[in-house]
Amino acid sequence: MNHQARLMLSKPHNLIFTPRDSKKRHGIRVSLTGDDPFRHLLAEDWETFHWFITADERNAALSNMRRRHEYSRIGDVPAVQYEPVER
């Protein structure tokens, strides 16, 4: 069973999967940095995508994801990469 299938069975409430033929064409690719220790738990090539109907919606979500969140500790550096993509 691949990682995505395990995730769907384990925590189906965490992500909403978008059908491939959706009108949501503007996305954000989320992946881990090369030195993130979670790579040993998830997979070396782990990634997930979030899809949006408009580029403006995507860009707003991207800004929110990249911001320093109020619950971050001083000195914490995010080990997640966010990349805008199109399909």
C-alpha atoms as a PDB file:
ATOM      1  CA  MET A   1       0.000   0.000   0.000  1.00  0.00           C
ATOM      2  CA  ASN A   2       1.482   3.370  -0.954  1.00  0.00           C
ATOM      3  CA  HIS A   3       1.798   6.330   1.406  1.00  0.00           C
ATOM      4  CA  GLN A   4      -1.201   8.223  -0.024  1.00  0.00           C
ATOM      5  CA  ALA A   5      -3.440   5.180   0.428  1.00  0.00           C
ATOM      6  CA  ARG A   6      -2.278   4.756   4.045  1.00  0.00           C
ATOM      7  CA  LEU A   7      -2.972   8.434   4.686  1.00  0.00           C
ATOM      8  CA  MET A   8      -6.488   8.134   3.288  1.00  0.00           C
ATOM      9  CA  LEU A   9      -7.238   5.159   5.531  1.00  0.00           C
ATOM     10  CA  SER A  10      -5.558   6.567   8.605  1.00  0.00           C
ATOM     11  CA  LYS A  11      -6.750  10.187   8.632  1.00  0.00           C
ATOM     12  CA  PRO A  12      -9.397  10.767   5.934  1.00  0.00           C
ATOM     13  CA  HIS A  13     -10.627  13.921   7.664  1.00  0.00           C
ATOM     14  CA  ASN A  14      -7.276  15.732   7.261  1.00  0.00           C
ATOM     15  CA  LEU A  15      -7.300  16.272   3.505  1.00  0.00           C
ATOM     16  CA  ILE A  16      -9.916  16.836   0.856  1.00  0.00           C
ATOM     17  CA  PHE A  17      -9.003  15.037  -2.347  1.00  0.00           C
ATOM     18  CA  THR A  18      -9.930  16.903  -5.519  1.00  0.00           C
ATOM     19  CA  PRO A  19     -11.097  14.915  -8.553  1.00  0.00           C
ATOM     20  CA  ARG A  20      -8.621  15.076 -11.441  1.00  0.00           C
ATOM     21  CA  ASP A  21     -11.152  16.689 -13.796  1.00  0.00           C
ATOM     22  CA  SER A  22     -11.841  19.526 -11.388  1.00  0.00           C
ATOM     23  CA  LYS A  23     -11.828  23.179 -12.429  1.00  0.00           C
ATOM     24  CA  LYS A  24      -9.196  23.738  -9.783  1.00  0.00           C
ATOM     25  CA  ARG A  25      -6.125  24.331 -11.943  1.00  0.00           C
ATOM     26  CA  HIS A  26      -3.942  26.538  -9.696  1.00  0.00           C
ATOM     27  CA  GLY A  27      -2.104  24.642  -7.012  1.00  0.00           C
ATOM     28  CA  ILE A  28       0.465  24.612  -4.258  1.00  0.00           C
ATOM     29  CA  ARG A  29       2.961  21.757  -4.127  1.00  0.00           C
ATOM     30  CA  VAL A  30       3.956  21.011  -0.530  1.00  0.00           C
ATOM     31  CA  SER A  31       7.155  19.043   0.079  1.00  0.00           C
ATOM     32  CA  LEU A  32       9.792  18.602   2.762  1.00  0.00           C
ATOM     33  CA  THR A  33      13.258  20.105   2.700  1.00  0.00           C
ATOM     34  CA  GLY A  34      16.162  17.719   2.195  1.00  0.00           C
ATOM     35  CA  ASP A  35      17.231  17.756   5.847  1.00  0.00           C
ATOM     36  CA  ASP A  36      13.783  17.360   7.429  1.00  0.00           C
ATOM     37  CA  PRO A  37      13.742  14.359   9.827  1.00  0.00           C
ATOM     38  CA  PHE A  38      10.140  13.610   8.806  1.00  0.00           C
ATOM     39  CA  ARG A  39      11.506  12.354   5.464  1.00  0.00           C
ATOM     40  CA  HIS A  40      12.391   9.144   7.316  1.00  0.00           C
ATOM     41  CA  LEU A  41       8.778   8.767   8.466  1.00  0.00           C
ATOM     42  CA  LEU A  42       6.891   9.807   5.332  1.00  0.00           C
ATOM     43  CA  ALA A  43       9.154   9.132   2.346  1.00  0.00           C
ATOM     44  CA  GLU A  44      12.117  10.726   0.630  1.00  0.00           C
ATOM     45  CA  ASP A  45       9.857  11.936  -2.185  1.00  0.00           C
ATOM     46  CA  TRP A  46       6.745  12.854  -0.133  1.00  0.00           C
ATOM     47  CA  GLU A  47       4.640  15.682  -1.512  1.00  0.00           C
ATOM     48  CA  THR A  48       1.021  16.752  -1.543  1.00  0.00           C
ATOM     49  CA  PHE A  49      -0.958  19.341  -3.467  1.00  0.00           C
ATOM     50  CA  HIS A  50      -3.669  21.864  -2.625  1.00  0.00           C
ATOM     51  CA  TRP A  51      -5.772  23.051  -5.592  1.00  0.00           C
ATOM     52  CA  PHE A  52      -7.719  26.281  -6.161  1.00  0.00           C
ATOM     53  CA  ILE A  53     -10.023  27.629  -8.871  1.00  0.00           C
ATOM     54  CA  THR A  54      -8.236  30.970  -9.270  1.00  0.00           C
ATOM     55  CA  ALA A  55      -4.630  32.068  -9.051  1.00  0.00           C
ATOM     56  CA  ASP A  56      -5.680  34.775  -6.577  1.00  0.00           C
ATOM     57  CA  GLU A  57      -7.135  32.165  -4.190  1.00  0.00           C
ATOM     58  CA  ARG A  58      -3.973  30.098  -4.526  1.00  0.00           C
ATOM     59  CA  ASN A  59      -1.713  33.097  -3.944  1.00  0.00           C
ATOM     60  CA  ALA A  60      -3.640  34.112  -0.807  1.00  0.00           C
ATOM     61  CA  ALA A  61      -3.355  30.568   0.575  1.00  0.00           C
ATOM     62  CA  LEU A  62       0.332  30.455  -0.360  1.00  0.00           C
ATOM     63  CA  SER A  63       0.992  33.691   1.545  1.00  0.00           C
ATOM     64  CA  ASN A  64      -0.810  32.298   4.584  1.00  0.00           C
ATOM     65  CA  MET A  65       1.094  29.004   4.455  1.00  0.00           C
ATOM     66  CA  ARG A  66       4.465  30.760   4.167  1.00  0.00           C
ATOM     67  CA  ARG A  67       3.904  33.252   6.988  1.00  0.00           C
ATOM     68  CA  ARG A  68       5.409  32.839  10.432  1.00  0.00           C
ATOM     69  CA  HIS A  69       2.560  31.420  12.487  1.00  0.00           C
ATOM     70  CA  GLU A  70       1.798  32.680  15.973  1.00  0.00           C
ATOM     71  CA  TYR A  71       2.450  29.248  17.494  1.00  0.00           C
ATOM     72  CA  SER A  72       5.998  29.017  16.047  1.00  0.00           C
ATOM     73  CA  ARG A  73       8.767  29.089  18.625  1.00  0.00           C
ATOM     74  CA  ILE A  74      11.563  31.646  18.397  1.00  0.00           C
ATOM     75  CA  GLY A  75      14.274  30.151  16.219  1.00  0.00           C
ATOM     76  CA  ASP A  76      12.016  27.593  14.524  1.00  0.00           C
ATOM     77  CA  VAL A  77      12.577  27.371  10.788  1.00  0.00           C
ATOM     78  CA  PRO A  78       9.880  25.666   8.695  1.00  0.00           C
ATOM     79  CA  ALA A  79      11.092  22.518   6.953  1.00  0.00           C
ATOM     80  CA  VAL A  80       8.271  22.580   4.412  1.00  0.00           C
ATOM     81  CA  GLN A  81       8.573  23.996   0.914  1.00  0.00           C
ATOM     82  CA  TYR A  82       5.632  25.593  -0.892  1.00  0.00           C
ATOM     83  CA  GLU A  83       5.713  25.952  -4.666  1.00  0.00           C
ATOM     84  CA  PRO A  84       2.991  27.391  -6.914  1.00  0.00           C
ATOM     85  CA  VAL A  85       2.041  25.004  -9.747  1.00  0.00           C
ATOM     86  CA  GLU A  86      -0.469  24.859 -12.599  1.00  0.00           C
ATOM     87  CA  ARG A  87      -2.200  21.906 -14.245  1.00  0.00           C
END
